[in-house]
N, C-alpha and C. Protein backbone atom coordinates (compact mmCIF):
# COMPACT_ATOMS: atom_id res chain seq x y z
N MET A 1 86.34 -36.93 -10.30
CA MET A 1 85.94 -38.13 -9.85
C MET A 1 85.95 -37.93 -8.62
N LYS A 2 84.69 -38.12 -8.03
CA LYS A 2 84.50 -38.26 -6.49
C LYS A 2 84.78 -39.23 -5.71
N LYS A 3 85.24 -39.47 -4.51
CA LYS A 3 85.12 -40.53 -3.69
C LYS A 3 84.22 -40.48 -2.62
N TYR A 4 83.72 -41.53 -2.40
CA TYR A 4 82.87 -41.76 -1.34
C TYR A 4 83.36 -42.78 -0.40
N ARG A 5 82.81 -42.74 1.08
CA ARG A 5 83.13 -43.92 1.90
C ARG A 5 81.92 -44.68 1.64
N LEU A 6 81.88 -46.04 2.12
CA LEU A 6 80.70 -46.86 1.89
C LEU A 6 79.58 -46.40 2.78
N THR A 7 79.70 -45.47 3.87
CA THR A 7 78.70 -45.12 4.53
C THR A 7 77.90 -43.80 3.96
N ASP A 8 78.52 -43.38 2.94
CA ASP A 8 77.76 -42.29 2.25
C ASP A 8 77.05 -42.63 1.04
N ALA A 9 76.42 -43.87 1.34
CA ALA A 9 75.49 -44.42 0.15
C ALA A 9 74.40 -43.39 -0.31
N LYS A 10 73.72 -42.83 0.78
CA LYS A 10 72.62 -41.93 0.49
C LYS A 10 73.10 -40.58 -0.11
N LYS A 11 74.26 -40.18 0.34
CA LYS A 11 74.71 -38.81 -0.39
C LYS A 11 75.30 -39.23 -1.76
N GLN A 12 75.83 -40.44 -2.10
CA GLN A 12 76.18 -40.96 -3.46
C GLN A 12 75.03 -41.06 -4.36
N GLU A 13 74.02 -41.74 -3.97
CA GLU A 13 72.82 -42.00 -4.70
C GLU A 13 72.14 -40.42 -5.09
N GLU A 14 72.09 -39.60 -4.07
CA GLU A 14 71.56 -38.12 -4.30
C GLU A 14 72.52 -37.28 -5.26
N ASP A 15 73.76 -37.61 -5.17
CA ASP A 15 74.48 -37.05 -6.20
C ASP A 15 74.28 -37.36 -7.83
N ALA A 16 74.16 -38.68 -7.90
CA ALA A 16 73.89 -39.45 -8.91
C ALA A 16 72.57 -38.97 -9.51
N LEU A 17 71.45 -39.06 -8.70
CA LEU A 17 70.30 -38.49 -9.30
C LEU A 17 70.26 -36.95 -9.72
N ARG A 18 71.09 -36.09 -9.09
CA ARG A 18 71.24 -34.94 -9.25
C ARG A 18 72.02 -34.55 -10.83
N TYR A 19 73.19 -35.49 -10.71
CA TYR A 19 73.85 -35.54 -12.12
C TYR A 19 73.10 -35.97 -13.30
N TRP A 20 72.02 -37.08 -13.17
CA TRP A 20 71.55 -37.60 -14.36
C TRP A 20 70.30 -36.55 -14.59
N ALA A 21 69.87 -35.83 -13.42
CA ALA A 21 68.55 -34.76 -13.61
C ALA A 21 69.24 -33.62 -14.54
N SER A 22 70.56 -33.30 -14.50
CA SER A 22 71.16 -31.97 -15.08
C SER A 22 71.19 -32.74 -16.56
N LYS A 23 71.36 -33.98 -16.93
CA LYS A 23 71.79 -34.29 -18.32
C LYS A 23 70.37 -34.19 -19.41
N SER A 24 70.71 -33.87 -20.51
CA SER A 24 69.69 -33.94 -21.57
C SER A 24 69.24 -35.50 -21.92
N ILE A 25 68.16 -35.34 -22.61
CA ILE A 25 67.56 -36.92 -22.71
C ILE A 25 68.64 -37.42 -23.78
N LYS A 26 69.17 -36.79 -24.92
CA LYS A 26 70.18 -37.16 -25.84
C LYS A 26 71.37 -37.91 -25.04
N GLN A 27 72.14 -36.96 -23.98
CA GLN A 27 73.10 -37.37 -23.19
C GLN A 27 72.76 -38.72 -22.56
N LYS A 28 71.42 -38.89 -22.00
CA LYS A 28 71.12 -39.95 -21.13
C LYS A 28 70.91 -41.38 -22.17
N ILE A 29 70.57 -41.16 -23.36
CA ILE A 29 70.50 -42.37 -24.21
C ILE A 29 71.85 -42.64 -24.93
N ASP A 30 72.88 -41.48 -24.98
CA ASP A 30 73.97 -41.85 -25.55
C ASP A 30 74.92 -42.81 -24.52
N ALA A 31 74.54 -42.17 -23.09
CA ALA A 31 75.29 -42.99 -21.99
C ALA A 31 74.75 -44.28 -21.76
N MET A 32 73.45 -44.71 -22.05
CA MET A 32 72.77 -46.02 -22.25
C MET A 32 73.45 -46.75 -23.06
N GLU A 33 73.50 -46.20 -24.40
CA GLU A 33 74.05 -46.85 -25.52
C GLU A 33 75.80 -47.30 -25.24
N GLN A 34 76.42 -46.41 -24.59
CA GLN A 34 77.55 -46.99 -24.29
C GLN A 34 77.77 -47.84 -23.36
N ILE A 35 76.87 -47.78 -22.36
CA ILE A 35 76.83 -49.06 -21.24
C ILE A 35 76.67 -50.22 -21.86
N MET A 36 75.57 -50.27 -22.89
CA MET A 36 75.25 -51.46 -23.62
C MET A 36 76.44 -51.87 -24.23
N LYS A 37 77.03 -51.00 -25.09
CA LYS A 37 78.10 -51.51 -25.87
C LYS A 37 79.29 -52.26 -25.02
N ASN A 38 79.77 -51.37 -24.04
CA ASN A 38 80.68 -51.99 -22.85
C ASN A 38 80.45 -53.46 -22.42
N PHE A 39 78.95 -53.61 -22.19
CA PHE A 39 78.69 -54.66 -21.65
C PHE A 39 78.57 -56.02 -22.66
N TYR A 40 78.31 -55.59 -23.97
CA TYR A 40 78.56 -56.56 -24.97
C TYR A 40 79.99 -56.94 -25.17
N GLU A 41 80.95 -55.98 -25.13
CA GLU A 41 82.22 -56.20 -25.39
C GLU A 41 82.73 -57.19 -24.33
N VAL A 42 82.38 -56.76 -23.02
CA VAL A 42 82.93 -57.75 -21.94
C VAL A 42 82.18 -59.23 -21.95
N GLN A 43 81.14 -59.26 -22.52
CA GLN A 43 80.36 -60.54 -22.82
C GLN A 43 80.97 -61.03 -23.76
N GLY A 44 81.75 -60.55 -24.94
CA GLY A 44 82.31 -61.32 -26.13
C GLY A 44 81.30 -61.29 -27.13
N THR A 45 80.22 -60.39 -27.06
CA THR A 45 79.07 -60.60 -28.02
C THR A 45 79.55 -59.59 -29.40
N ASN A 46 79.40 -59.87 -30.49
CA ASN A 46 79.65 -59.15 -31.57
C ASN A 46 78.46 -58.05 -31.94
N LEU A 47 78.39 -57.00 -31.72
CA LEU A 47 77.19 -56.10 -31.96
C LEU A 47 76.67 -56.28 -33.32
N HIS A 48 77.46 -56.53 -34.28
CA HIS A 48 77.01 -56.56 -35.63
C HIS A 48 76.64 -58.02 -36.31
N GLU A 49 76.79 -59.03 -35.32
CA GLU A 49 76.49 -60.45 -35.83
C GLU A 49 74.90 -60.51 -36.02
N GLN A 50 74.88 -61.56 -36.90
CA GLN A 50 73.42 -61.91 -37.31
C GLN A 50 72.69 -62.32 -36.14
N ARG A 51 71.58 -61.89 -35.77
CA ARG A 51 70.89 -62.64 -34.84
C ARG A 51 69.46 -63.01 -35.17
N LEU A 52 68.84 -64.27 -34.67
CA LEU A 52 67.48 -64.44 -35.00
C LEU A 52 66.77 -63.63 -34.63
N GLN A 53 65.62 -63.21 -35.22
CA GLN A 53 64.48 -62.35 -34.70
C GLN A 53 63.37 -63.33 -34.39
N ARG A 54 62.68 -62.59 -33.49
CA ARG A 54 61.50 -63.37 -32.69
C ARG A 54 60.47 -62.86 -33.62
N VAL A 55 59.44 -64.08 -34.05
CA VAL A 55 58.45 -63.42 -34.94
C VAL A 55 56.99 -63.91 -34.19
N LEU A 56 56.28 -62.84 -33.85
CA LEU A 56 55.13 -63.23 -33.32
C LEU A 56 54.02 -63.03 -34.56
N LYS A 57 53.05 -63.89 -34.15
CA LYS A 57 51.86 -63.81 -35.04
C LYS A 57 50.53 -63.77 -34.23
N ILE A 58 49.57 -62.92 -34.36
CA ILE A 58 48.30 -62.83 -33.71
C ILE A 58 47.31 -63.54 -34.23
N VAL A 59 46.62 -64.39 -33.71
CA VAL A 59 45.43 -65.11 -34.69
C VAL A 59 44.41 -64.81 -33.94
N LYS A 60 43.30 -64.86 -34.59
CA LYS A 60 41.84 -64.68 -33.96
C LYS A 60 41.28 -66.14 -33.83
N LEU A 61 40.93 -66.66 -32.65
CA LEU A 61 40.53 -67.85 -32.26
C LEU A 61 39.11 -68.07 -32.70
N SER A 62 38.43 -69.00 -33.13
CA SER A 62 36.97 -68.89 -33.39
C SER A 62 36.50 -69.56 -31.96
N GLN A 63 35.25 -69.06 -31.99
CA GLN A 63 34.43 -69.45 -30.76
C GLN A 63 33.82 -70.71 -31.07
N SER A 64 33.90 -71.70 -29.85
CA SER A 64 33.25 -73.00 -30.21
C SER A 64 32.17 -73.00 -29.25
């Protein structure tokens, strides 16, 4: 784990970009899934609970 001073924000951002650029797509997706799971755990949301789905229907309007 690296430590940064608050004044090193630009260096920290460059290191983060370099780090993620070196990861494969699968590693990036896995990391994002873990971040989402952590978020839902903090929010107290059950990942497996039934949710309502949004249903959209496209209709063609008649020309008047």
